């Protein structure tokens, strides 16, 4: 994290230094230093951030449930453009402490469009969203809307943020509490741990 912050300070300094340099050597040195800082900052991302293998090819929620059989999973439906979703991330440290202690997996399901892939992955890193991640394809997204959507006039929509609890590959809570619920959420999750 310190390297990411220092990157914000050093970038303008490097740009000024390289802009005042009279030789291409100094510009190349400045560029190399910047690239080195960026590379080291990338490696500071938690190794606990994982993507479901071949998530873009998953067409049925049962495949996700099968991936997590024999586990308790807290599922977070979100999107990069959803302010209330992002607000919930500030409770992740407390949630992480609880889920780590009770061996609960976290799955973040983003409903962002494929063209927002870069923004999605950057937000995962910047908020250090430890756990599993995926972005459903259109087939799976339609199924999720059918299963968890709410009628909004003439069509159904998946309202976010939305949370689920899965245990042993089965959805046991279709409308779980938010991370901001803190102890209320923890009590809800405890019902499915250690049975």
N, C-alpha and C. Protein backbone atom coordinates (compact mmCIF):
# COMPACT_ATOMS: atom_id res chain seq x y z
N UNK A 1 0.83 -1.19 0.00
CA UNK A 1 0.00 0.00 0.00
C UNK A 1 0.87 1.25 0.00
N UNK A 2 1.98 1.23 0.74
CA UNK A 2 2.87 2.39 0.78
C UNK A 2 3.42 2.69 -0.60
N UNK A 3 3.71 1.63 -1.37
CA UNK A 3 4.26 1.84 -2.70
C UNK A 3 3.22 2.46 -3.63
N UNK A 4 1.95 2.09 -3.44
CA UNK A 4 0.89 2.67 -4.26
C UNK A 4 0.76 4.15 -3.95
N UNK A 5 0.80 4.48 -2.65
CA UNK A 5 0.72 5.89 -2.27
C UNK A 5 1.94 6.65 -2.76
N UNK A 6 3.12 6.06 -2.64
CA UNK A 6 4.31 6.76 -3.08
C UNK A 6 4.32 6.93 -4.59
N UNK A 7 3.65 6.04 -5.31
CA UNK A 7 3.54 6.17 -6.76
C UNK A 7 2.82 7.47 -7.12
N UNK A 8 1.77 7.79 -6.34
CA UNK A 8 1.04 9.02 -6.59
C UNK A 8 1.88 10.26 -6.34
N UNK A 9 2.82 10.18 -5.44
CA UNK A 9 3.71 11.30 -5.15
C UNK A 9 4.86 11.35 -6.14
N UNK A 10 5.42 10.18 -6.45
CA UNK A 10 6.60 10.13 -7.31
C UNK A 10 6.29 10.37 -8.78
N UNK A 11 5.09 10.00 -9.21
CA UNK A 11 4.75 10.16 -10.63
C UNK A 11 4.91 11.61 -11.09
N UNK A 12 4.31 12.59 -10.39
CA UNK A 12 4.50 13.98 -10.84
C UNK A 12 5.97 14.41 -10.79
N UNK A 13 6.70 13.94 -9.76
CA UNK A 13 8.11 14.31 -9.67
C UNK A 13 8.90 13.73 -10.84
N UNK A 14 8.62 12.49 -11.20
CA UNK A 14 9.32 11.87 -12.33
C UNK A 14 8.98 12.58 -13.63
N UNK A 15 7.74 12.99 -13.76
CA UNK A 15 7.33 13.66 -15.00
C UNK A 15 8.04 15.01 -15.13
N UNK A 16 8.14 15.75 -14.01
CA UNK A 16 8.83 17.04 -14.04
C UNK A 16 10.30 16.81 -14.33
N UNK A 17 10.90 15.85 -13.64
CA UNK A 17 12.32 15.57 -13.83
C UNK A 17 12.60 15.16 -15.26
N UNK A 18 11.79 14.26 -15.81
CA UNK A 18 12.04 13.82 -17.18
C UNK A 18 11.72 14.93 -18.18
N UNK A 19 10.77 15.81 -17.83
CA UNK A 19 10.43 16.91 -18.74
C UNK A 19 11.55 17.94 -18.82
N UNK A 20 12.29 18.10 -17.72
CA UNK A 20 13.39 19.06 -17.70
C UNK A 20 14.69 18.46 -18.22
N UNK A 21 14.71 17.17 -18.36
CA UNK A 21 15.95 16.50 -18.80
C UNK A 21 16.23 16.85 -20.25
N UNK A 22 17.50 17.06 -20.52
CA UNK A 22 17.87 17.41 -21.89
C UNK A 22 18.24 16.19 -22.71
N UNK A 23 18.35 15.06 -22.07
CA UNK A 23 18.74 13.87 -22.82
C UNK A 23 17.67 12.79 -22.70
N UNK A 24 17.66 11.95 -23.71
CA UNK A 24 16.70 10.84 -23.69
C UNK A 24 17.08 9.80 -22.63
N UNK A 25 18.34 9.80 -22.21
CA UNK A 25 18.80 8.86 -21.17
C UNK A 25 18.03 9.10 -19.87
N UNK A 26 17.94 10.38 -19.47
CA UNK A 26 17.23 10.69 -18.23
C UNK A 26 15.75 10.35 -18.35
N UNK A 27 15.18 10.58 -19.51
CA UNK A 27 13.77 10.23 -19.72
C UNK A 27 13.58 8.72 -19.61
N UNK A 28 14.49 7.97 -20.18
CA UNK A 28 14.40 6.51 -20.10
C UNK A 28 14.57 6.02 -18.66
N UNK A 29 15.47 6.65 -17.91
CA UNK A 29 15.67 6.28 -16.51
C UNK A 29 14.41 6.58 -15.70
N UNK A 30 13.80 7.72 -15.96
CA UNK A 30 12.57 8.08 -15.25
C UNK A 30 11.46 7.10 -15.58
N UNK A 31 11.34 6.76 -16.85
CA UNK A 31 10.32 5.81 -17.28
C UNK A 31 10.56 4.44 -16.63
N UNK A 32 11.81 3.98 -16.61
CA UNK A 32 12.15 2.69 -16.01
C UNK A 32 11.82 2.68 -14.51
N UNK A 33 12.09 3.79 -13.83
CA UNK A 33 11.77 3.89 -12.40
C UNK A 33 10.27 3.82 -12.18
N UNK A 34 9.51 4.49 -13.03
CA UNK A 34 8.06 4.48 -12.93
C UNK A 34 7.50 3.08 -13.16
N UNK A 35 7.98 2.40 -14.19
CA UNK A 35 7.53 1.04 -14.49
C UNK A 35 7.87 0.10 -13.33
N UNK A 36 9.04 0.26 -12.76
CA UNK A 36 9.46 -0.57 -11.63
C UNK A 36 8.53 -0.38 -10.44
N UNK A 37 8.18 0.88 -10.16
CA UNK A 37 7.25 1.16 -9.07
C UNK A 37 5.88 0.55 -9.33
N UNK A 38 5.39 0.68 -10.56
CA UNK A 38 4.09 0.10 -10.91
C UNK A 38 4.11 -1.40 -10.76
N UNK A 39 5.17 -2.05 -11.22
CA UNK A 39 5.28 -3.50 -11.11
C UNK A 39 5.29 -3.95 -9.65
N UNK A 40 6.04 -3.25 -8.81
CA UNK A 40 6.10 -3.65 -7.41
C UNK A 40 4.76 -3.40 -6.72
N UNK A 41 4.04 -2.35 -7.12
CA UNK A 41 2.73 -2.09 -6.54
C UNK A 41 1.74 -3.18 -6.91
N UNK A 42 1.84 -3.71 -8.12
CA UNK A 42 0.94 -4.78 -8.56
C UNK A 42 1.10 -6.01 -7.68
N UNK A 43 2.31 -6.28 -7.24
CA UNK A 43 2.57 -7.47 -6.44
C UNK A 43 2.11 -7.32 -5.00
N UNK A 44 1.70 -6.13 -4.62
CA UNK A 44 1.23 -5.90 -3.26
C UNK A 44 -0.22 -6.32 -3.09
N UNK A 45 -0.90 -6.68 -4.16
CA UNK A 45 -2.28 -7.12 -4.08
C UNK A 45 -2.31 -8.46 -3.37
N UNK A 46 -3.29 -8.64 -2.52
CA UNK A 46 -3.40 -9.87 -1.74
C UNK A 46 -3.47 -11.11 -2.62
N UNK A 47 -2.77 -12.14 -2.18
CA UNK A 47 -2.84 -13.42 -2.87
C UNK A 47 -4.18 -14.10 -2.61
N UNK A 48 -4.98 -13.54 -1.72
CA UNK A 48 -6.28 -14.11 -1.39
C UNK A 48 -7.37 -13.62 -2.34
N UNK A 49 -7.01 -12.84 -3.33
CA UNK A 49 -7.95 -12.43 -4.38
C UNK A 49 -7.83 -13.46 -5.49
N UNK A 50 -8.94 -14.18 -5.73
CA UNK A 50 -8.93 -15.27 -6.71
C UNK A 50 -10.12 -15.14 -7.65
N UNK A 51 -9.95 -15.64 -8.85
CA UNK A 51 -11.05 -15.65 -9.81
C UNK A 51 -11.50 -17.09 -10.02
N UNK A 52 -12.82 -17.29 -10.08
CA UNK A 52 -13.35 -18.62 -10.36
C UNK A 52 -12.79 -19.03 -11.72
N UNK A 53 -12.20 -20.22 -11.83
CA UNK A 53 -11.64 -20.65 -13.12
C UNK A 53 -12.71 -20.67 -14.23
N UNK A 54 -12.37 -20.10 -15.37
CA UNK A 54 -13.26 -20.06 -16.55
C UNK A 54 -14.66 -19.55 -16.20
N UNK A 55 -14.74 -18.54 -15.33
CA UNK A 55 -16.04 -18.03 -14.89
C UNK A 55 -16.92 -17.57 -16.05
N UNK A 56 -16.29 -17.08 -17.12
CA UNK A 56 -17.07 -16.57 -18.25
C UNK A 56 -17.81 -17.68 -19.00
N UNK A 57 -17.47 -18.94 -18.72
CA UNK A 57 -18.13 -20.07 -19.39
C UNK A 57 -19.18 -20.74 -18.52
N UNK A 58 -19.37 -20.25 -17.31
CA UNK A 58 -20.37 -20.83 -16.40
C UNK A 58 -21.75 -20.33 -16.82
N UNK A 59 -22.65 -21.27 -17.13
CA UNK A 59 -23.99 -20.93 -17.61
C UNK A 59 -25.09 -21.24 -16.61
N UNK A 60 -24.76 -21.88 -15.49
CA UNK A 60 -25.78 -22.30 -14.54
C UNK A 60 -25.25 -22.11 -13.12
N UNK A 61 -26.09 -21.59 -12.25
CA UNK A 61 -25.68 -21.34 -10.87
C UNK A 61 -25.28 -22.64 -10.17
N UNK A 62 -25.78 -23.77 -10.64
CA UNK A 62 -25.42 -25.06 -10.04
C UNK A 62 -23.92 -25.33 -10.16
N UNK A 63 -23.30 -24.79 -11.21
CA UNK A 63 -21.84 -24.95 -11.37
C UNK A 63 -21.10 -24.19 -10.27
N UNK A 64 -21.63 -23.04 -9.90
CA UNK A 64 -21.02 -22.25 -8.81
C UNK A 64 -21.22 -22.99 -7.49
N UNK A 65 -22.45 -23.48 -7.29
CA UNK A 65 -22.74 -24.21 -6.07
C UNK A 65 -21.84 -25.44 -5.94
N UNK A 66 -21.61 -26.13 -7.04
CA UNK A 66 -20.75 -27.32 -7.05
C UNK A 66 -19.30 -26.94 -6.70
N UNK A 67 -18.86 -25.79 -7.19
CA UNK A 67 -17.50 -25.31 -6.91
C UNK A 67 -17.28 -25.15 -5.40
N UNK A 68 -18.34 -24.77 -4.69
CA UNK A 68 -18.24 -24.51 -3.26
C UNK A 68 -18.88 -25.60 -2.40
N UNK A 69 -19.03 -26.81 -2.94
CA UNK A 69 -19.65 -27.86 -2.11
C UNK A 69 -18.76 -28.10 -0.90
N UNK A 70 -19.38 -28.46 0.20
CA UNK A 70 -18.70 -28.70 1.48
C UNK A 70 -18.17 -27.41 2.12
N UNK A 71 -18.69 -26.26 1.70
CA UNK A 71 -18.24 -24.98 2.27
C UNK A 71 -19.43 -24.08 2.56
N UNK A 72 -19.20 -23.12 3.44
CA UNK A 72 -20.16 -22.04 3.66
C UNK A 72 -19.62 -20.84 2.91
N UNK A 73 -20.49 -20.20 2.12
CA UNK A 73 -20.06 -19.10 1.26
C UNK A 73 -21.00 -17.90 1.45
N UNK A 74 -20.40 -16.74 1.63
CA UNK A 74 -21.15 -15.48 1.66
C UNK A 74 -20.98 -14.85 0.29
N UNK A 75 -22.10 -14.67 -0.43
CA UNK A 75 -22.07 -14.18 -1.81
C UNK A 75 -22.51 -12.72 -1.84
N UNK A 76 -21.74 -11.91 -2.53
CA UNK A 76 -21.99 -10.47 -2.65
C UNK A 76 -22.20 -10.13 -4.13
N UNK A 77 -23.43 -9.76 -4.50
CA UNK A 77 -23.72 -9.28 -5.86
C UNK A 77 -23.48 -7.78 -5.86
N UNK A 78 -22.68 -7.30 -6.79
CA UNK A 78 -22.31 -5.89 -6.81
C UNK A 78 -21.96 -5.45 -8.22
N UNK A 79 -21.65 -4.16 -8.37
CA UNK A 79 -21.15 -3.60 -9.64
C UNK A 79 -20.31 -2.37 -9.31
N UNK A 80 -19.40 -2.05 -10.21
CA UNK A 80 -18.50 -0.92 -9.97
C UNK A 80 -19.24 0.41 -9.92
N UNK A 81 -20.38 0.49 -10.61
CA UNK A 81 -21.14 1.74 -10.68
C UNK A 81 -22.15 1.87 -9.55
N UNK A 82 -22.24 0.88 -8.67
CA UNK A 82 -23.25 0.85 -7.60
C UNK A 82 -22.68 1.45 -6.32
N UNK A 83 -23.05 2.69 -6.04
CA UNK A 83 -22.56 3.38 -4.84
C UNK A 83 -22.84 2.63 -3.54
N UNK A 84 -24.09 2.17 -3.32
CA UNK A 84 -24.37 1.42 -2.08
C UNK A 84 -23.54 0.14 -1.96
N UNK A 85 -23.24 -0.50 -3.09
CA UNK A 85 -22.39 -1.71 -3.06
C UNK A 85 -21.00 -1.35 -2.55
N UNK A 86 -20.43 -0.31 -3.13
CA UNK A 86 -19.07 0.11 -2.79
C UNK A 86 -19.02 0.58 -1.33
N UNK A 87 -20.09 1.23 -0.86
CA UNK A 87 -20.13 1.68 0.55
C UNK A 87 -19.97 0.51 1.51
N UNK A 88 -20.50 -0.65 1.14
CA UNK A 88 -20.42 -1.83 2.01
C UNK A 88 -18.98 -2.34 2.17
N UNK A 89 -18.13 -2.02 1.22
CA UNK A 89 -16.75 -2.51 1.27
C UNK A 89 -15.98 -1.98 2.49
N UNK A 90 -16.42 -0.85 3.04
CA UNK A 90 -15.70 -0.30 4.20
C UNK A 90 -15.87 -1.18 5.44
N UNK A 91 -16.77 -2.15 5.39
CA UNK A 91 -16.97 -3.08 6.50
C UNK A 91 -16.23 -4.40 6.28
N UNK A 92 -15.43 -4.47 5.21
CA UNK A 92 -14.78 -5.72 4.85
C UNK A 92 -13.74 -6.20 5.86
N UNK A 93 -13.05 -5.29 6.54
CA UNK A 93 -12.05 -5.73 7.52
C UNK A 93 -12.70 -6.54 8.63
N UNK A 94 -13.82 -6.03 9.13
CA UNK A 94 -14.55 -6.73 10.18
C UNK A 94 -15.12 -8.05 9.65
N UNK A 95 -15.67 -8.01 8.44
CA UNK A 95 -16.22 -9.22 7.82
C UNK A 95 -15.11 -10.25 7.59
N UNK A 96 -13.96 -9.80 7.12
CA UNK A 96 -12.83 -10.70 6.86
C UNK A 96 -12.39 -11.39 8.14
N UNK A 97 -12.30 -10.63 9.21
CA UNK A 97 -11.91 -11.20 10.50
C UNK A 97 -12.88 -12.33 10.89
N UNK A 98 -14.18 -12.08 10.72
CA UNK A 98 -15.19 -13.08 11.07
C UNK A 98 -15.14 -14.29 10.14
N UNK A 99 -15.10 -14.04 8.83
CA UNK A 99 -15.13 -15.16 7.88
C UNK A 99 -13.86 -16.00 7.97
N UNK A 100 -12.72 -15.38 8.20
CA UNK A 100 -11.48 -16.14 8.38
C UNK A 100 -11.56 -17.04 9.61
N UNK A 101 -12.06 -16.48 10.70
CA UNK A 101 -12.17 -17.23 11.96
C UNK A 101 -13.09 -18.43 11.81
N UNK A 102 -14.16 -18.28 11.02
CA UNK A 102 -15.17 -19.35 10.89
C UNK A 102 -15.05 -20.13 9.59
N UNK A 103 -13.98 -19.93 8.85
CA UNK A 103 -13.71 -20.67 7.60
C UNK A 103 -14.86 -20.53 6.60
N UNK A 104 -15.31 -19.31 6.42
CA UNK A 104 -16.37 -18.99 5.46
C UNK A 104 -15.72 -18.36 4.24
N UNK A 105 -16.06 -18.86 3.07
CA UNK A 105 -15.55 -18.30 1.81
C UNK A 105 -16.38 -17.08 1.43
N UNK A 106 -15.78 -16.19 0.66
CA UNK A 106 -16.52 -15.05 0.11
C UNK A 106 -16.47 -15.13 -1.41
N UNK A 107 -17.61 -14.86 -2.02
CA UNK A 107 -17.70 -14.82 -3.48
C UNK A 107 -18.32 -13.49 -3.87
N UNK A 108 -17.59 -12.74 -4.69
CA UNK A 108 -18.07 -11.46 -5.20
C UNK A 108 -18.50 -11.66 -6.65
N UNK A 109 -19.79 -11.44 -6.92
CA UNK A 109 -20.32 -11.61 -8.27
C UNK A 109 -20.66 -10.23 -8.81
N UNK A 110 -19.86 -9.77 -9.76
CA UNK A 110 -20.07 -8.45 -10.36
C UNK A 110 -20.99 -8.56 -11.56
N UNK A 111 -21.96 -7.68 -11.64
CA UNK A 111 -22.85 -7.69 -12.81
C UNK A 111 -22.42 -6.65 -13.84
N UNK A 112 -21.18 -6.21 -13.73
CA UNK A 112 -20.63 -5.29 -14.73
C UNK A 112 -20.59 -5.94 -16.11
N UNK A 113 -20.60 -5.11 -17.13
CA UNK A 113 -20.52 -5.60 -18.52
C UNK A 113 -19.08 -5.99 -18.84
N UNK A 114 -18.89 -6.87 -19.85
CA UNK A 114 -17.53 -7.29 -20.23
C UNK A 114 -16.60 -6.12 -20.56
N UNK A 115 -17.14 -5.06 -21.15
CA UNK A 115 -16.28 -3.93 -21.51
C UNK A 115 -15.77 -3.16 -20.28
N UNK A 116 -16.33 -3.46 -19.10
CA UNK A 116 -15.88 -2.82 -17.87
C UNK A 116 -14.89 -3.69 -17.09
N UNK A 117 -14.31 -4.68 -17.78
CA UNK A 117 -13.40 -5.63 -17.15
C UNK A 117 -12.25 -4.95 -16.40
N UNK A 118 -11.62 -3.98 -17.02
CA UNK A 118 -10.49 -3.29 -16.39
C UNK A 118 -10.90 -2.55 -15.13
N UNK A 119 -12.02 -1.83 -15.20
CA UNK A 119 -12.53 -1.09 -14.04
C UNK A 119 -12.87 -2.05 -12.92
N UNK A 120 -13.51 -3.17 -13.28
CA UNK A 120 -13.89 -4.19 -12.31
C UNK A 120 -12.65 -4.72 -11.57
N UNK A 121 -11.65 -5.12 -12.32
CA UNK A 121 -10.44 -5.69 -11.70
C UNK A 121 -9.68 -4.65 -10.87
N UNK A 122 -9.66 -3.41 -11.33
CA UNK A 122 -8.99 -2.35 -10.56
C UNK A 122 -9.70 -2.11 -9.24
N UNK A 123 -11.04 -2.15 -9.26
CA UNK A 123 -11.79 -1.91 -8.03
C UNK A 123 -11.59 -3.06 -7.05
N UNK A 124 -11.49 -4.27 -7.56
CA UNK A 124 -11.20 -5.43 -6.70
C UNK A 124 -9.88 -5.20 -5.97
N UNK A 125 -8.87 -4.74 -6.72
CA UNK A 125 -7.55 -4.49 -6.12
C UNK A 125 -7.59 -3.32 -5.15
N UNK A 126 -8.20 -2.22 -5.57
CA UNK A 126 -8.16 -1.01 -4.74
C UNK A 126 -8.91 -1.19 -3.42
N UNK A 127 -9.94 -2.04 -3.41
CA UNK A 127 -10.69 -2.30 -2.17
C UNK A 127 -10.21 -3.58 -1.48
N UNK A 128 -9.17 -4.21 -2.06
CA UNK A 128 -8.61 -5.45 -1.53
C UNK A 128 -9.72 -6.45 -1.18
N UNK A 129 -10.54 -6.76 -2.16
CA UNK A 129 -11.68 -7.66 -1.96
C UNK A 129 -11.20 -9.11 -1.98
N UNK A 130 -10.73 -9.56 -0.83
CA UNK A 130 -10.23 -10.92 -0.71
C UNK A 130 -11.37 -11.91 -0.82
N UNK A 131 -11.14 -12.97 -1.57
CA UNK A 131 -12.15 -13.99 -1.80
C UNK A 131 -12.17 -14.33 -3.28
N UNK A 132 -13.21 -15.01 -3.68
CA UNK A 132 -13.37 -15.40 -5.08
C UNK A 132 -14.18 -14.35 -5.83
N UNK A 133 -13.90 -14.25 -7.14
CA UNK A 133 -14.58 -13.27 -7.98
C UNK A 133 -15.03 -13.90 -9.29
N UNK A 134 -16.11 -13.36 -9.81
CA UNK A 134 -16.57 -13.75 -11.13
C UNK A 134 -17.50 -12.67 -11.67
N UNK A 135 -17.68 -12.70 -12.97
CA UNK A 135 -18.63 -11.82 -13.64
C UNK A 135 -19.46 -12.75 -14.54
N UNK A 136 -20.77 -12.88 -14.28
CA UNK A 136 -21.57 -13.83 -15.05
C UNK A 136 -21.73 -13.42 -16.51
N UNK A 137 -21.76 -14.43 -17.38
CA UNK A 137 -22.07 -14.17 -18.79
C UNK A 137 -23.58 -13.91 -18.90
N UNK A 138 -24.06 -13.60 -20.09
CA UNK A 138 -25.48 -13.24 -20.25
C UNK A 138 -26.43 -14.37 -19.88
N UNK A 139 -26.05 -15.61 -20.18
CA UNK A 139 -26.92 -16.75 -19.86
C UNK A 139 -27.08 -16.88 -18.35
N UNK A 140 -25.98 -16.84 -17.63
CA UNK A 140 -26.04 -16.95 -16.17
C UNK A 140 -26.72 -15.73 -15.57
N UNK A 141 -26.46 -14.56 -16.13
CA UNK A 141 -27.09 -13.34 -15.61
C UNK A 141 -28.62 -13.43 -15.70
N UNK A 142 -29.12 -13.97 -16.83
CA UNK A 142 -30.58 -14.14 -16.98
C UNK A 142 -31.12 -15.09 -15.91
N UNK A 143 -30.39 -16.17 -15.65
CA UNK A 143 -30.82 -17.11 -14.63
C UNK A 143 -30.84 -16.45 -13.24
N UNK A 144 -29.83 -15.67 -12.94
CA UNK A 144 -29.76 -14.98 -11.65
C UNK A 144 -30.92 -14.00 -11.49
N UNK A 145 -31.25 -13.30 -12.56
CA UNK A 145 -32.38 -12.36 -12.52
C UNK A 145 -33.67 -13.13 -12.28
N UNK A 146 -33.84 -14.28 -12.94
CA UNK A 146 -35.04 -15.10 -12.74
C UNK A 146 -35.14 -15.59 -11.30
N UNK A 147 -34.02 -16.00 -10.74
CA UNK A 147 -34.01 -16.57 -9.39
C UNK A 147 -34.12 -15.52 -8.29
N UNK A 148 -33.41 -14.41 -8.45
CA UNK A 148 -33.28 -13.45 -7.35
C UNK A 148 -33.80 -12.05 -7.69
N UNK A 149 -34.27 -11.86 -8.92
CA UNK A 149 -34.72 -10.54 -9.33
C UNK A 149 -36.06 -10.17 -8.72
N UNK A 150 -36.35 -8.91 -8.80
CA UNK A 150 -37.64 -8.40 -8.32
C UNK A 150 -38.36 -7.77 -9.51
N UNK A 151 -39.68 -7.89 -9.50
CA UNK A 151 -40.47 -7.30 -10.57
C UNK A 151 -40.38 -5.79 -10.50
N UNK A 152 -39.99 -5.22 -11.63
CA UNK A 152 -39.87 -3.77 -11.74
C UNK A 152 -40.72 -3.33 -12.94
N UNK A 153 -42.02 -3.32 -12.74
CA UNK A 153 -42.91 -3.01 -13.85
C UNK A 153 -43.09 -4.23 -14.72
N UNK A 154 -42.69 -4.11 -15.98
CA UNK A 154 -42.90 -5.19 -16.93
C UNK A 154 -41.77 -6.23 -16.94
N UNK A 155 -40.71 -5.99 -16.22
CA UNK A 155 -39.60 -6.95 -16.23
C UNK A 155 -38.98 -7.07 -14.85
N UNK A 156 -38.18 -8.12 -14.71
CA UNK A 156 -37.46 -8.35 -13.45
C UNK A 156 -36.07 -7.75 -13.54
N UNK A 157 -35.58 -7.28 -12.40
CA UNK A 157 -34.22 -6.76 -12.31
C UNK A 157 -33.56 -7.31 -11.06
N UNK A 158 -32.27 -7.52 -11.15
CA UNK A 158 -31.49 -7.94 -9.98
C UNK A 158 -31.04 -6.68 -9.27
N UNK A 159 -31.66 -6.41 -8.13
CA UNK A 159 -31.32 -5.22 -7.37
C UNK A 159 -30.08 -5.50 -6.53
N UNK A 160 -29.15 -4.58 -6.57
CA UNK A 160 -27.90 -4.74 -5.82
C UNK A 160 -27.69 -3.53 -4.92
N UNK A 161 -26.96 -3.66 -3.84
CA UNK A 161 -26.28 -4.88 -3.42
C UNK A 161 -27.27 -5.93 -2.94
N UNK A 162 -26.87 -7.17 -3.11
CA UNK A 162 -27.66 -8.32 -2.66
C UNK A 162 -26.69 -9.39 -2.19
N UNK A 163 -27.11 -10.11 -1.18
CA UNK A 163 -26.22 -11.09 -0.56
C UNK A 163 -26.95 -12.42 -0.38
N UNK A 164 -26.20 -13.51 -0.54
CA UNK A 164 -26.71 -14.86 -0.35
C UNK A 164 -25.79 -15.61 0.59
N UNK A 165 -26.31 -16.69 1.14
CA UNK A 165 -25.46 -17.62 1.88
C UNK A 165 -25.67 -19.00 1.25
N UNK A 166 -24.55 -19.64 0.93
CA UNK A 166 -24.57 -20.99 0.37
C UNK A 166 -23.89 -21.91 1.39
N UNK A 167 -24.49 -23.07 1.62
CA UNK A 167 -23.86 -24.08 2.48
C UNK A 167 -23.91 -25.42 1.76
N UNK A 168 -22.77 -26.08 1.68
CA UNK A 168 -22.67 -27.40 1.04
C UNK A 168 -23.30 -27.40 -0.35
N UNK A 169 -23.10 -26.33 -1.09
CA UNK A 169 -23.59 -26.26 -2.46
C UNK A 169 -25.06 -25.90 -2.60
N UNK A 170 -25.74 -25.60 -1.51
CA UNK A 170 -27.16 -25.23 -1.55
C UNK A 170 -27.34 -23.79 -1.07
N UNK A 171 -28.23 -23.07 -1.72
CA UNK A 171 -28.54 -21.70 -1.27
C UNK A 171 -29.44 -21.81 -0.05
N UNK A 172 -28.95 -21.35 1.10
CA UNK A 172 -29.72 -21.46 2.34
C UNK A 172 -30.34 -20.13 2.76
N UNK A 173 -29.79 -19.02 2.29
CA UNK A 173 -30.39 -17.70 2.54
C UNK A 173 -30.32 -16.91 1.24
N UNK A 174 -31.50 -16.52 0.74
CA UNK A 174 -31.56 -15.80 -0.54
C UNK A 174 -31.46 -14.29 -0.39
N UNK A 175 -31.61 -13.81 0.82
CA UNK A 175 -31.53 -12.37 1.06
C UNK A 175 -30.81 -12.14 2.39
N UNK A 176 -29.50 -12.40 2.39
CA UNK A 176 -28.70 -12.29 3.61
C UNK A 176 -28.47 -10.83 3.99
N UNK A 177 -28.07 -10.64 5.23
CA UNK A 177 -27.78 -9.30 5.73
C UNK A 177 -26.52 -8.74 5.07
N UNK A 178 -26.44 -7.42 5.06
CA UNK A 178 -25.28 -6.71 4.49
C UNK A 178 -24.13 -6.68 5.49
N UNK A 179 -22.90 -6.47 4.99
CA UNK A 179 -21.76 -6.34 5.91
C UNK A 179 -21.95 -5.23 6.96
N UNK A 180 -22.66 -4.16 6.62
CA UNK A 180 -22.88 -3.07 7.58
C UNK A 180 -23.77 -3.50 8.74
N UNK A 181 -24.45 -4.64 8.61
CA UNK A 181 -25.27 -5.17 9.71
C UNK A 181 -24.42 -5.76 10.82
N UNK A 182 -23.16 -5.95 10.53
CA UNK A 182 -22.14 -6.45 11.47
C UNK A 182 -22.63 -7.67 12.26
N UNK A 183 -22.89 -7.49 13.56
CA UNK A 183 -23.23 -8.62 14.44
C UNK A 183 -24.48 -9.37 13.97
N UNK A 184 -25.43 -8.67 13.39
CA UNK A 184 -26.65 -9.33 12.90
C UNK A 184 -26.28 -10.29 11.77
N UNK A 185 -25.41 -9.84 10.86
CA UNK A 185 -24.92 -10.71 9.79
C UNK A 185 -24.12 -11.87 10.37
N UNK A 186 -23.26 -11.60 11.34
CA UNK A 186 -22.42 -12.65 11.91
C UNK A 186 -23.27 -13.73 12.57
N UNK A 187 -24.33 -13.32 13.26
CA UNK A 187 -25.24 -14.30 13.87
C UNK A 187 -25.94 -15.12 12.78
N UNK A 188 -26.31 -14.47 11.70
CA UNK A 188 -26.94 -15.18 10.58
C UNK A 188 -25.98 -16.22 10.00
N UNK A 189 -24.73 -15.85 9.80
CA UNK A 189 -23.73 -16.77 9.25
C UNK A 189 -23.41 -17.91 10.22
N UNK A 190 -23.38 -17.60 11.53
CA UNK A 190 -23.04 -18.62 12.53
C UNK A 190 -24.00 -19.81 12.49
N UNK A 191 -25.23 -19.57 12.05
CA UNK A 191 -26.23 -20.64 11.97
C UNK A 191 -25.77 -21.78 11.05
N UNK A 192 -24.88 -21.48 10.12
CA UNK A 192 -24.50 -22.45 9.10
C UNK A 192 -23.07 -22.96 9.24
N UNK A 193 -22.42 -22.56 10.32
CA UNK A 193 -21.03 -22.97 10.54
C UNK A 193 -20.99 -24.09 11.58
N UNK A 194 -20.21 -25.12 11.29
CA UNK A 194 -19.96 -26.17 12.27
C UNK A 194 -21.11 -27.12 12.52
N UNK A 195 -22.05 -27.19 11.61
CA UNK A 195 -23.15 -28.15 11.80
C UNK A 195 -22.78 -29.49 11.25
